[in-house]
Each structure stands twice: as structure tokens, then as C-alpha cells.
N, C-alpha and C. Protein backbone atom coordinates (compact mmCIF):
# COMPACT_ATOMS: atom_id res chain seq x y z
N MET A 1 -16.33 -22.32 -8.62
CA MET A 1 -17.66 -22.76 -8.58
C MET A 1 -18.34 -21.67 -8.29
N PHE A 2 -18.59 -20.98 -6.74
CA PHE A 2 -19.12 -19.78 -6.09
C PHE A 2 -19.13 -18.95 -6.96
N ASN A 3 -17.95 -18.22 -7.53
CA ASN A 3 -18.08 -17.31 -8.02
C ASN A 3 -18.77 -16.82 -8.98
N GLN A 4 -19.05 -18.45 -9.11
CA GLN A 4 -19.71 -18.42 -11.35
C GLN A 4 -21.34 -17.86 -10.01
N ASP A 5 -21.89 -19.07 -9.22
CA ASP A 5 -23.29 -18.75 -8.78
C ASP A 5 -23.79 -17.00 -8.07
N LEU A 6 -22.58 -16.47 -7.93
CA LEU A 6 -22.46 -15.42 -7.49
C LEU A 6 -22.96 -14.43 -8.68
N GLU A 7 -22.21 -14.64 -9.78
CA GLU A 7 -22.37 -14.31 -11.64
C GLU A 7 -23.33 -14.49 -11.33
N LYS A 8 -24.55 -15.35 -11.43
CA LYS A 8 -25.65 -16.00 -12.10
C LYS A 8 -26.70 -15.03 -11.33
N THR A 9 -26.70 -14.49 -10.52
CA THR A 9 -27.82 -13.85 -9.14
C THR A 9 -27.89 -12.11 -9.56
N GLU A 10 -26.38 -11.92 -10.63
CA GLU A 10 -26.74 -10.52 -10.46
C GLU A 10 -26.94 -9.86 -12.22
N TYR A 11 -26.90 -10.93 -12.63
CA TYR A 11 -27.81 -10.62 -14.07
C TYR A 11 -28.66 -10.92 -14.25
N GLU A 12 -30.23 -10.40 -15.05
CA GLU A 12 -31.23 -10.92 -14.44
C GLU A 12 -30.66 -12.16 -16.54
N GLN A 13 -32.04 -12.62 -17.04
CA GLN A 13 -31.56 -13.80 -17.77
C GLN A 13 -32.93 -13.28 -18.92
N LYS A 14 -32.68 -13.60 -20.13
CA LYS A 14 -33.81 -14.25 -21.02
C LYS A 14 -33.69 -14.79 -22.23
N LEU A 15 -34.39 -15.48 -22.33
CA LEU A 15 -34.15 -16.57 -23.50
C LEU A 15 -35.12 -16.44 -24.71
N LEU A 16 -34.64 -15.93 -25.56
CA LEU A 16 -35.11 -14.93 -26.95
C LEU A 16 -35.50 -16.21 -27.88
N ASP A 17 -34.62 -16.64 -27.41
CA ASP A 17 -35.18 -18.05 -29.65
C ASP A 17 -34.23 -18.83 -29.43
N VAL A 18 -34.51 -20.69 -29.42
CA VAL A 18 -34.15 -21.95 -29.15
C VAL A 18 -34.47 -22.49 -31.05
N ALA A 19 -33.59 -22.68 -30.76
CA ALA A 19 -33.98 -22.90 -32.81
C ALA A 19 -32.96 -24.52 -33.06
N ARG A 20 -33.74 -25.79 -33.46
CA ARG A 20 -33.21 -26.98 -33.81
C ARG A 20 -32.45 -26.47 -35.15
N VAL A 21 -31.16 -26.85 -35.41
CA VAL A 21 -30.73 -26.74 -36.30
C VAL A 21 -30.00 -28.41 -37.03
N VAL A 22 -29.89 -27.91 -37.97
CA VAL A 22 -29.32 -29.52 -38.75
C VAL A 22 -28.04 -29.77 -39.64
N ARG A 23 -27.59 -30.71 -39.38
CA ARG A 23 -26.29 -30.93 -40.53
C ARG A 23 -26.44 -32.36 -40.84
N VAL A 24 -26.62 -32.38 -41.90
CA VAL A 24 -26.56 -33.57 -42.60
C VAL A 24 -24.99 -34.03 -43.32
N VAL A 25 -25.41 -35.20 -42.76
CA VAL A 25 -23.61 -36.50 -43.16
C VAL A 25 -24.13 -37.51 -43.44
N ALA A 26 -23.39 -37.97 -44.04
CA ALA A 26 -23.17 -39.24 -44.70
C ALA A 26 -24.19 -40.73 -44.00
N GLY A 27 -24.11 -40.51 -42.95
CA GLY A 27 -25.13 -41.37 -41.58
C GLY A 27 -26.85 -40.61 -41.56
N GLY A 28 -26.86 -39.86 -41.90
CA GLY A 28 -28.12 -39.06 -41.53
C GLY A 28 -28.36 -37.30 -41.09
N ARG A 29 -29.39 -37.40 -39.80
CA ARG A 29 -28.91 -35.72 -39.99
C ARG A 29 -28.68 -35.73 -38.65
N ARG A 30 -27.40 -34.97 -37.91
CA ARG A 30 -27.52 -34.58 -36.92
C ARG A 30 -28.29 -33.13 -36.50
N PHE A 31 -28.84 -33.06 -35.15
CA PHE A 31 -29.41 -32.24 -34.87
C PHE A 31 -28.28 -31.69 -33.67
N ARG A 32 -28.87 -30.18 -33.30
CA ARG A 32 -27.95 -29.61 -32.57
C ARG A 32 -28.95 -28.53 -32.36
N PHE A 33 -28.79 -27.70 -31.51
CA PHE A 33 -29.38 -26.25 -30.37
C PHE A 33 -29.01 -25.32 -30.54
N ARG A 34 -29.42 -24.26 -30.98
CA ARG A 34 -29.06 -22.54 -30.96
C ARG A 34 -30.24 -21.85 -30.46
N ALA A 35 -29.38 -21.66 -29.17
CA ALA A 35 -30.42 -20.96 -28.19
C ALA A 35 -29.60 -19.04 -27.90
N VAL A 36 -30.16 -18.58 -28.06
CA VAL A 36 -29.94 -16.30 -28.36
C VAL A 36 -30.82 -16.30 -26.78
N MET A 37 -29.55 -16.01 -25.99
CA MET A 37 -29.49 -15.76 -24.33
C MET A 37 -29.65 -14.13 -24.19
N ALA A 38 -30.18 -13.22 -23.77
CA ALA A 38 -30.03 -11.91 -23.26
C ALA A 38 -30.25 -11.80 -22.01
N ILE A 39 -28.56 -10.93 -21.51
CA ILE A 39 -29.01 -10.29 -19.60
C ILE A 39 -28.74 -9.03 -19.83
N GLY A 40 -29.23 -8.82 -18.85
CA GLY A 40 -28.91 -7.57 -17.97
C GLY A 40 -29.15 -7.16 -16.66
N ASP A 41 -28.18 -6.16 -16.05
CA ASP A 41 -28.63 -6.04 -14.63
C ASP A 41 -28.96 -4.80 -14.74
N GLN A 42 -29.94 -3.98 -15.00
CA GLN A 42 -31.26 -3.36 -14.97
C GLN A 42 -30.66 -2.04 -14.75
N LYS A 43 -29.52 -2.06 -14.77
CA LYS A 43 -28.90 -0.59 -14.38
C LYS A 43 -28.48 -0.08 -15.28
N GLY A 44 -27.85 0.08 -16.56
CA GLY A 44 -27.73 0.30 -17.80
C GLY A 44 -26.94 -0.83 -18.64
N LYS A 45 -26.67 -2.01 -18.10
CA LYS A 45 -25.19 -2.93 -18.93
C LYS A 45 -26.67 -4.07 -19.33
N VAL A 46 -26.41 -4.41 -20.96
CA VAL A 46 -26.73 -5.52 -21.55
C VAL A 46 -26.01 -6.13 -22.24
N GLY A 47 -26.55 -7.81 -22.37
CA GLY A 47 -25.68 -8.64 -23.39
C GLY A 47 -26.55 -9.67 -24.16
N LEU A 48 -25.64 -10.71 -24.95
CA LEU A 48 -26.41 -10.79 -26.28
C LEU A 48 -25.21 -11.99 -26.24
N GLY A 49 -26.20 -12.86 -26.11
CA GLY A 49 -25.16 -14.22 -26.79
C GLY A 49 -25.66 -14.95 -27.34
N VAL A 50 -24.95 -15.53 -28.17
CA VAL A 50 -25.77 -16.98 -28.93
C VAL A 50 -24.57 -18.16 -29.49
N ALA A 51 -25.69 -19.18 -28.73
CA ALA A 51 -24.04 -20.74 -29.41
C ALA A 51 -25.10 -21.79 -29.53
N LYS A 52 -24.52 -22.81 -30.05
CA LYS A 52 -24.92 -23.95 -29.93
C LYS A 52 -24.63 -25.37 -28.99
N GLY A 53 -25.61 -26.28 -28.97
CA GLY A 53 -25.25 -27.06 -28.03
C GLY A 53 -25.91 -28.42 -28.56
N GLN A 54 -25.75 -29.79 -27.81
CA GLN A 54 -26.06 -31.10 -28.16
C GLN A 54 -27.33 -31.04 -28.17
N ASP A 55 -28.17 -30.30 -26.45
CA ASP A 55 -29.12 -30.44 -26.22
C ASP A 55 -29.41 -29.02 -25.38
N VAL A 56 -30.92 -28.19 -25.32
CA VAL A 56 -31.39 -27.29 -25.29
C VAL A 56 -29.95 -26.60 -24.05
N SER A 57 -30.27 -27.00 -23.36
CA SER A 57 -29.68 -26.86 -21.60
C SER A 57 -28.49 -26.72 -21.63
N LEU A 58 -27.37 -27.32 -22.43
CA LEU A 58 -26.15 -26.77 -22.82
C LEU A 58 -26.00 -25.83 -23.68
N ALA A 59 -26.84 -25.79 -24.72
CA ALA A 59 -26.41 -24.24 -25.51
C ALA A 59 -26.94 -23.14 -24.76
N VAL A 60 -27.66 -22.95 -23.33
CA VAL A 60 -28.47 -21.59 -22.82
C VAL A 60 -27.15 -21.53 -22.10
N GLU A 61 -26.55 -22.92 -21.57
CA GLU A 61 -25.02 -22.34 -21.11
C GLU A 61 -24.24 -21.91 -21.26
N LYS A 62 -23.71 -22.18 -22.45
CA LYS A 62 -23.06 -21.43 -23.08
C LYS A 62 -23.25 -19.90 -23.85
N ALA A 63 -24.48 -20.08 -24.48
CA ALA A 63 -25.05 -18.70 -25.02
C ALA A 63 -25.44 -17.51 -23.45
N THR A 64 -25.29 -17.83 -22.47
CA THR A 64 -25.46 -17.49 -21.20
C THR A 64 -23.48 -16.53 -20.66
N ALA A 65 -22.81 -17.64 -21.19
CA ALA A 65 -21.60 -16.89 -20.96
C ALA A 65 -20.90 -16.36 -22.14
N LYS A 66 -21.41 -16.53 -23.36
CA LYS A 66 -20.93 -15.39 -24.19
C LYS A 66 -21.76 -14.09 -23.90
N ALA A 67 -22.79 -14.28 -23.23
CA ALA A 67 -23.63 -13.26 -23.29
C ALA A 67 -22.92 -12.30 -22.14
N ARG A 68 -22.70 -12.62 -21.65
CA ARG A 68 -21.69 -11.86 -20.10
C ARG A 68 -20.63 -11.55 -20.45
N LYS A 69 -19.82 -12.11 -21.26
CA LYS A 69 -18.61 -11.14 -22.31
C LYS A 69 -18.76 -10.37 -22.97
N HIS A 70 -19.65 -9.84 -23.61
CA HIS A 70 -20.00 -9.17 -24.75
C HIS A 70 -21.25 -8.10 -23.75
N LEU A 71 -21.00 -7.55 -22.92
CA LEU A 71 -21.46 -6.86 -22.18
C LEU A 71 -21.31 -5.58 -22.74
N VAL A 72 -22.68 -4.62 -23.22
CA VAL A 72 -22.98 -3.52 -23.79
C VAL A 72 -23.44 -2.02 -22.68
N LYS A 73 -22.52 -0.37 -22.44
CA LYS A 73 -23.40 0.06 -21.68
C LYS A 73 -24.27 0.63 -21.86
N VAL A 74 -25.71 0.84 -21.31
CA VAL A 74 -26.31 2.07 -22.09
C VAL A 74 -26.60 3.00 -21.22
N PRO A 75 -25.92 4.61 -22.05
CA PRO A 75 -26.49 5.49 -20.93
C PRO A 75 -27.87 5.62 -20.62
N LEU A 76 -28.00 5.83 -19.36
CA LEU A 76 -29.48 5.97 -18.84
C LEU A 76 -29.54 7.83 -18.61
N LEU A 77 -30.91 8.25 -18.80
CA LEU A 77 -31.03 9.31 -18.63
C LEU A 77 -32.11 9.55 -17.97
N LYS A 78 -32.51 9.54 -16.66
CA LYS A 78 -33.75 9.83 -16.15
C LYS A 78 -35.00 8.69 -16.39
N GLY A 79 -33.87 7.63 -16.65
CA GLY A 79 -34.67 5.71 -16.64
C GLY A 79 -35.19 5.92 -18.16
N THR A 80 -34.47 6.81 -19.12
CA THR A 80 -34.83 6.67 -20.61
C THR A 80 -33.53 6.85 -21.42
N ILE A 81 -33.46 7.00 -22.55
CA ILE A 81 -32.41 7.02 -23.76
C ILE A 81 -31.84 8.72 -23.59
N PRO A 82 -31.15 9.47 -23.77
CA PRO A 82 -30.79 10.55 -24.43
C PRO A 82 -30.97 10.98 -25.53
N HIS A 83 -31.45 10.32 -26.60
CA HIS A 83 -31.57 11.12 -27.82
C HIS A 83 -32.57 10.15 -28.84
N GLN A 84 -32.92 10.12 -29.57
CA GLN A 84 -33.66 9.17 -31.21
C GLN A 84 -31.98 8.65 -31.39
N VAL A 85 -32.12 7.22 -32.02
CA VAL A 85 -31.89 6.35 -32.14
C VAL A 85 -31.51 5.40 -33.36
N GLU A 86 -31.30 5.11 -34.50
CA GLU A 86 -31.56 4.01 -35.41
C GLU A 86 -30.61 3.29 -35.50
N ALA A 87 -30.86 2.04 -35.57
CA ALA A 87 -29.33 1.35 -36.24
C ALA A 87 -29.96 0.03 -37.07
N LYS A 88 -28.96 -0.53 -37.83
CA LYS A 88 -29.07 -1.67 -38.74
C LYS A 88 -28.38 -2.67 -38.71
N TYR A 89 -28.89 -4.48 -38.73
CA TYR A 89 -27.72 -5.11 -38.08
C TYR A 89 -28.39 -6.27 -39.25
N GLY A 90 -27.83 -6.98 -40.20
CA GLY A 90 -28.51 -7.34 -41.86
C GLY A 90 -29.72 -7.03 -42.11
N SER A 91 -30.69 -7.20 -42.18
CA SER A 91 -31.79 -6.75 -42.92
C SER A 91 -32.91 -6.53 -41.38
N ALA A 92 -32.46 -5.88 -40.38
CA ALA A 92 -33.27 -5.76 -39.12
C ALA A 92 -33.33 -4.09 -38.95
N LYS A 93 -33.85 -3.52 -39.15
CA LYS A 93 -33.61 -2.29 -38.50
C LYS A 93 -34.46 -1.47 -37.52
N VAL A 94 -33.79 -0.26 -36.44
CA VAL A 94 -34.98 -0.78 -35.17
C VAL A 94 -34.95 0.78 -34.81
N LEU A 95 -35.65 1.29 -34.42
CA LEU A 95 -35.93 2.63 -34.30
C LEU A 95 -35.78 2.79 -32.78
N LEU A 96 -35.67 3.44 -32.03
CA LEU A 96 -35.95 4.07 -30.56
C LEU A 96 -35.74 5.23 -30.05
N LYS A 97 -36.42 5.55 -29.32
CA LYS A 97 -37.14 6.69 -28.97
C LYS A 97 -36.75 7.24 -27.22
N PRO A 98 -36.67 8.45 -27.13
CA PRO A 98 -36.47 8.31 -25.18
C PRO A 98 -38.09 8.26 -25.29
N GLY A 99 -38.81 7.79 -24.72
CA GLY A 99 -39.91 7.55 -23.71
C GLY A 99 -39.87 8.86 -22.37
N ARG A 100 -41.10 9.49 -22.49
CA ARG A 100 -41.48 10.33 -21.88
C ARG A 100 -42.23 10.07 -20.20
N PRO A 101 -41.82 9.97 -19.10
CA PRO A 101 -42.08 9.66 -17.70
C PRO A 101 -43.51 9.24 -18.01
N GLY A 102 -43.51 8.20 -16.99
CA GLY A 102 -45.02 7.12 -16.86
C GLY A 102 -45.18 6.26 -18.23
N ARG A 103 -44.58 6.35 -19.43
CA ARG A 103 -45.38 6.06 -20.55
C ARG A 103 -44.93 4.36 -20.80
N GLY A 104 -43.74 3.75 -20.19
CA GLY A 104 -43.17 2.13 -20.17
C GLY A 104 -42.64 2.24 -20.98
N ILE A 105 -42.60 0.84 -21.46
CA ILE A 105 -41.15 0.37 -22.37
C ILE A 105 -42.63 0.22 -23.92
N VAL A 106 -42.72 0.48 -24.83
CA VAL A 106 -43.44 0.49 -26.27
C VAL A 106 -42.76 0.03 -26.93
N ALA A 107 -42.34 -1.25 -27.02
CA ALA A 107 -41.42 -2.14 -28.02
C ALA A 107 -42.02 -3.50 -28.35
N GLY A 108 -41.39 -4.13 -29.29
CA GLY A 108 -42.02 -5.42 -29.44
C GLY A 108 -41.23 -6.66 -29.75
N GLY A 109 -41.30 -7.47 -29.05
CA GLY A 109 -40.21 -8.97 -29.38
C GLY A 109 -39.18 -8.75 -28.92
N ALA A 110 -38.48 -9.17 -29.19
CA ALA A 110 -36.79 -9.14 -28.92
C ALA A 110 -36.19 -7.75 -28.53
N VAL A 111 -36.89 -6.19 -28.68
CA VAL A 111 -36.19 -5.29 -28.93
C VAL A 111 -37.07 -5.05 -27.25
N ARG A 112 -37.90 -5.56 -27.03
CA ARG A 112 -38.66 -5.76 -25.39
C ARG A 112 -37.83 -5.47 -24.71
N ALA A 113 -37.10 -7.01 -24.58
CA ALA A 113 -36.72 -7.78 -23.71
C ALA A 113 -35.45 -7.48 -23.46
N ILE A 114 -35.22 -6.67 -24.13
CA ILE A 114 -33.23 -6.24 -24.42
C ILE A 114 -33.70 -4.65 -23.76
N CYS A 115 -34.53 -4.15 -24.09
CA CYS A 115 -34.80 -2.74 -23.00
C CYS A 115 -35.02 -3.45 -21.90
N ASN A 116 -36.29 -4.00 -21.94
CA ASN A 116 -36.22 -4.30 -20.31
C ASN A 116 -35.16 -4.71 -19.23
N LEU A 117 -33.96 -5.66 -19.58
CA LEU A 117 -33.40 -5.90 -19.04
C LEU A 117 -31.90 -4.96 -18.89
N ALA A 118 -32.12 -3.95 -19.56
CA ALA A 118 -31.50 -2.56 -19.74
C ALA A 118 -31.17 -1.86 -18.72
N GLY A 119 -32.60 -1.78 -18.12
CA GLY A 119 -33.24 -1.33 -17.26
C GLY A 119 -34.26 0.16 -17.66
N LEU A 120 -34.29 0.02 -19.02
CA LEU A 120 -35.12 1.01 -19.28
C LEU A 120 -36.14 1.44 -19.19
N GLU A 121 -37.07 2.12 -18.44
CA GLU A 121 -38.50 2.05 -17.55
C GLU A 121 -39.61 3.08 -19.08
N ASN A 122 -38.38 4.02 -19.57
CA ASN A 122 -39.96 4.65 -20.38
C ASN A 122 -38.77 4.77 -21.93
N ILE A 123 -39.16 3.89 -22.76
CA ILE A 123 -38.91 4.29 -24.22
C ILE A 123 -40.17 3.66 -25.14
N SER A 124 -39.54 4.20 -26.62
CA SER A 124 -40.97 4.00 -27.50
C SER A 124 -39.72 4.03 -28.90
N ALA A 125 -39.93 1.96 -29.35
CA ALA A 125 -39.03 1.74 -30.08
C ALA A 125 -40.01 0.68 -31.06
N LYS A 126 -39.26 0.59 -32.36
CA LYS A 126 -39.87 0.42 -33.75
C LYS A 126 -39.28 -0.16 -34.16
N ILE A 127 -39.70 -2.03 -34.96
CA ILE A 127 -38.84 -3.29 -35.47
C ILE A 127 -39.13 -2.10 -37.01
N ILE A 128 -38.36 -1.76 -37.75
CA ILE A 128 -38.84 -0.87 -39.07
C ILE A 128 -38.51 -1.78 -39.79
N GLY A 129 -37.27 -2.60 -39.95
CA GLY A 129 -37.01 -4.01 -40.52
C GLY A 129 -38.64 -5.14 -41.26
N ARG A 130 -38.30 -5.17 -42.19
CA ARG A 130 -39.58 -6.58 -42.38
C ARG A 130 -38.71 -7.92 -41.66
N THR A 131 -37.85 -7.97 -41.68
CA THR A 131 -37.13 -9.75 -41.25
C THR A 131 -38.39 -9.19 -39.40
N THR A 132 -38.77 -11.19 -39.12
CA THR A 132 -39.20 -11.35 -37.98
C THR A 132 -38.00 -11.69 -36.91
N ASN A 133 -36.34 -11.83 -37.39
CA ASN A 133 -35.69 -12.88 -36.53
C ASN A 133 -35.60 -12.10 -35.82
N LYS A 134 -35.27 -13.29 -34.74
CA LYS A 134 -35.35 -12.33 -33.19
C LYS A 134 -33.67 -11.97 -33.11
N LEU A 135 -33.30 -12.75 -33.66
CA LEU A 135 -31.55 -12.35 -33.20
C LEU A 135 -31.12 -11.66 -33.63
N ASN A 136 -31.51 -11.07 -35.00
CA ASN A 136 -31.08 -9.74 -35.75
C ASN A 136 -31.58 -8.72 -35.07
N ASN A 137 -32.92 -8.55 -34.82
CA ASN A 137 -33.56 -7.64 -34.21
C ASN A 137 -32.87 -7.21 -32.81
N ALA A 138 -32.44 -8.34 -32.23
CA ALA A 138 -31.93 -7.66 -31.14
C ALA A 138 -30.25 -7.76 -31.60
N ARG A 139 -29.87 -7.99 -32.32
CA ARG A 139 -28.44 -7.25 -32.55
C ARG A 139 -28.48 -5.89 -32.99
N ALA A 140 -29.34 -5.44 -33.43
CA ALA A 140 -30.04 -4.55 -34.31
C ALA A 140 -30.10 -2.98 -33.15
N THR A 141 -30.65 -3.74 -32.06
CA THR A 141 -30.95 -3.13 -31.06
C THR A 141 -29.77 -2.46 -29.57
N ILE A 142 -28.76 -3.93 -29.71
CA ILE A 142 -27.40 -3.70 -29.26
C ILE A 142 -26.54 -2.33 -29.83
N GLU A 143 -26.45 -3.13 -31.21
CA GLU A 143 -25.48 -1.58 -31.97
C GLU A 143 -26.65 -0.64 -32.44
N ALA A 144 -28.08 0.13 -31.92
CA ALA A 144 -28.28 0.88 -31.82
C ALA A 144 -27.73 1.66 -30.00
N PHE A 145 -28.14 1.11 -28.95
CA PHE A 145 -27.19 1.15 -27.74
C PHE A 145 -25.98 1.81 -28.06
N LYS A 146 -24.90 1.28 -28.97
CA LYS A 146 -23.93 1.29 -29.12
C LYS A 146 -23.82 2.66 -29.72
N LYS A 147 -24.42 3.21 -30.32
CA LYS A 147 -24.69 4.10 -30.72
C LYS A 147 -24.79 5.62 -30.53
N LEU A 148 -25.83 5.21 -28.92
CA LEU A 148 -26.07 6.18 -28.24
C LEU A 148 -24.82 7.10 -27.99
N LYS A 149 -25.09 8.54 -27.45
CA LYS A 149 -23.91 9.29 -26.88
C LYS A 149 -24.77 9.56 -25.51
N SER A 150 -23.60 9.64 -24.25
CA SER A 150 -24.95 10.13 -22.82
C SER A 150 -24.24 11.71 -22.40
């Protein structure tokens, strides 16, 4: 129990999305909640987790645990990324460009949250895909980070 409390303080957490999902059964509808959590240590490690639970708090807890298991290392170079990168996940397409010093994070939605958690100070990002799905945009950003070479 003590070790788990120590883990919680190490990473910053951001709830990207909560959705109520429905399963239709013989007796009617069964509701569950899907949570999308992003965690990061602001030093180049970032993770994304998705989980479902009977209530929101349970889903968030499970999603956080999954995010902790699937951490990705982001190569940082003076507070930005080493080179331009583009990635696609489903219909989500993301373009990440290194930012010049003092510009800050120029990105929208889920991409901004993930860049922030990764510890990037200057980056320019654009969601090229037509989808507004936060989960797929976040996954595309993680894919882009995986493509980076230091």
C-alpha cells in the first residue's frame, strides 16, 4: 500500500476523457464508464491508459494503472523534440514540430495535455486528421513520440 502512494506522487495525471458506454441486455441497458488517463513525470516519460468500470472512480483508477504499465520515453532536446514527426492512429493524424525557445506549447486538445505531461516546453503540434476523438488523437501523439530518434 505504501509503495502505491509513493508511485502516485511521482507522476502527474490528467483525465482526458470520460464516456458512458452502454451494453443492451435482456433486462434493459447496462451502463459502464470508460476513462482515458494520461500520466507523465515531466522529464520525458509519458503513458496513456484506457479502462472501463462500474463507476467513474473505478474506471479512472484502472486507467491510471494501465497508463503506468505503458510508459513511453520521449527524447528531449533543450525542452523540445529533436526533429519533426508525423504519426497516424486510426483516423487521427498528428504532426509534431520542434518549437523555438520561449514559444511554449502550441497544440490543441489531447495533444497539448500529453506534450505537457511529457515535459516538453516548446513544441508546435497540429491535429491533421478530421477526427475529434480524444483517445485516438492521444494515441497518435504517443505513436509520434515512439518514432522520435534522439
